[in-house]
Amino acid sequence: MQSDHRKTDEEIAQAIEPPGLADPGQTLLAILALNRKEIEAGELIPAKDVFAELERMDKEAGFI
């Protein structure tokens, strides 16, 4: 269920941990800001799609 607008792990890490940002509170604020930008840009995955993907993965792994 990977879509084109999803960020790579490296992009996320750079967004939430820019150089010199070691304070956990500042890191949390950076994460919230990133999420807000994604929401405002319409880069959302509906919850039903996320849960359907998780269920598919669980079935493939034999958990359900």
Protein backbone atom coordinates (compact mmCIF):
# COMPACT_ATOMS: atom_id res chain seq x y z
CA MET A 1 0.00 0.00 0.00
CA GLN A 2 2.93 2.34 -0.63
CA SER A 3 1.83 5.51 -2.37
CA ASP A 4 3.96 8.09 -4.12
CA HIS A 5 3.58 10.77 -1.44
CA ARG A 6 4.96 8.63 1.37
CA LYS A 7 8.27 9.75 2.77
CA THR A 8 11.27 7.48 3.10
CA ASP A 9 12.62 6.62 6.54
CA GLU A 10 15.58 8.89 5.86
CA GLU A 11 13.33 11.84 4.96
CA ILE A 12 11.33 11.34 8.14
CA ALA A 13 14.47 11.07 10.26
CA GLN A 14 15.83 14.29 8.75
CA ALA A 15 12.52 16.06 9.31
CA ILE A 16 12.19 15.05 12.95
CA GLU A 17 15.85 15.15 13.92
CA PRO A 18 17.49 18.07 12.16
CA PRO A 19 21.10 18.69 13.21
CA GLY A 20 21.35 20.12 16.72
CA LEU A 21 17.84 19.12 17.75
CA ALA A 22 18.50 16.80 20.68
CA ASP A 23 15.70 17.92 23.05
CA PRO A 24 12.85 15.34 23.00
CA GLY A 25 10.27 18.10 23.38
CA GLN A 26 11.60 19.88 20.31
CA THR A 27 11.65 16.59 18.42
CA LEU A 28 8.00 15.99 19.28
CA LEU A 29 7.10 19.49 18.09
CA ALA A 30 8.95 18.81 14.82
CA ILE A 31 6.97 15.57 14.34
CA LEU A 32 3.69 17.40 14.96
CA ALA A 33 4.67 20.13 12.50
CA LEU A 34 5.51 17.54 9.85
CA ASN A 35 2.16 15.82 10.37
CA ARG A 36 0.32 19.12 10.14
CA LYS A 37 2.04 19.92 6.81
CA GLU A 38 1.07 16.51 5.44
CA ILE A 39 -2.55 16.97 6.55
CA GLU A 40 -2.73 20.45 5.02
CA ALA A 41 -1.27 19.09 1.76
CA GLY A 42 -3.91 16.35 1.68
CA GLU A 43 -1.29 13.62 2.05
CA LEU A 44 -3.50 11.32 4.07
CA ILE A 45 -4.20 7.61 3.99
CA PRO A 46 -7.72 6.81 5.17
CA ALA A 47 -7.77 4.81 8.41
CA LYS A 48 -9.81 2.03 6.77
CA ASP A 49 -7.02 1.57 4.20
CA VAL A 50 -4.36 1.45 6.91
CA PHE A 51 -6.28 -1.16 8.90
CA ALA A 52 -6.99 -3.20 5.77
CA GLU A 53 -3.27 -3.23 4.99
CA LEU A 54 -2.41 -4.26 8.55
CA GLU A 55 -4.95 -7.08 8.38
CA ARG A 56 -3.53 -8.24 5.05
CA MET A 57 -0.02 -8.27 6.52
CA ASP A 58 -1.24 -10.19 9.59
CA LYS A 59 -2.89 -12.79 7.34
CA GLU A 60 0.27 -13.17 5.25
CA ALA A 61 2.30 -13.65 8.43
CA GLY A 62 -0.18 -16.25 9.73
CA PHE A 63 -1.26 -14.22 12.75
CA ILE A 64 -4.95 -14.39 11.76
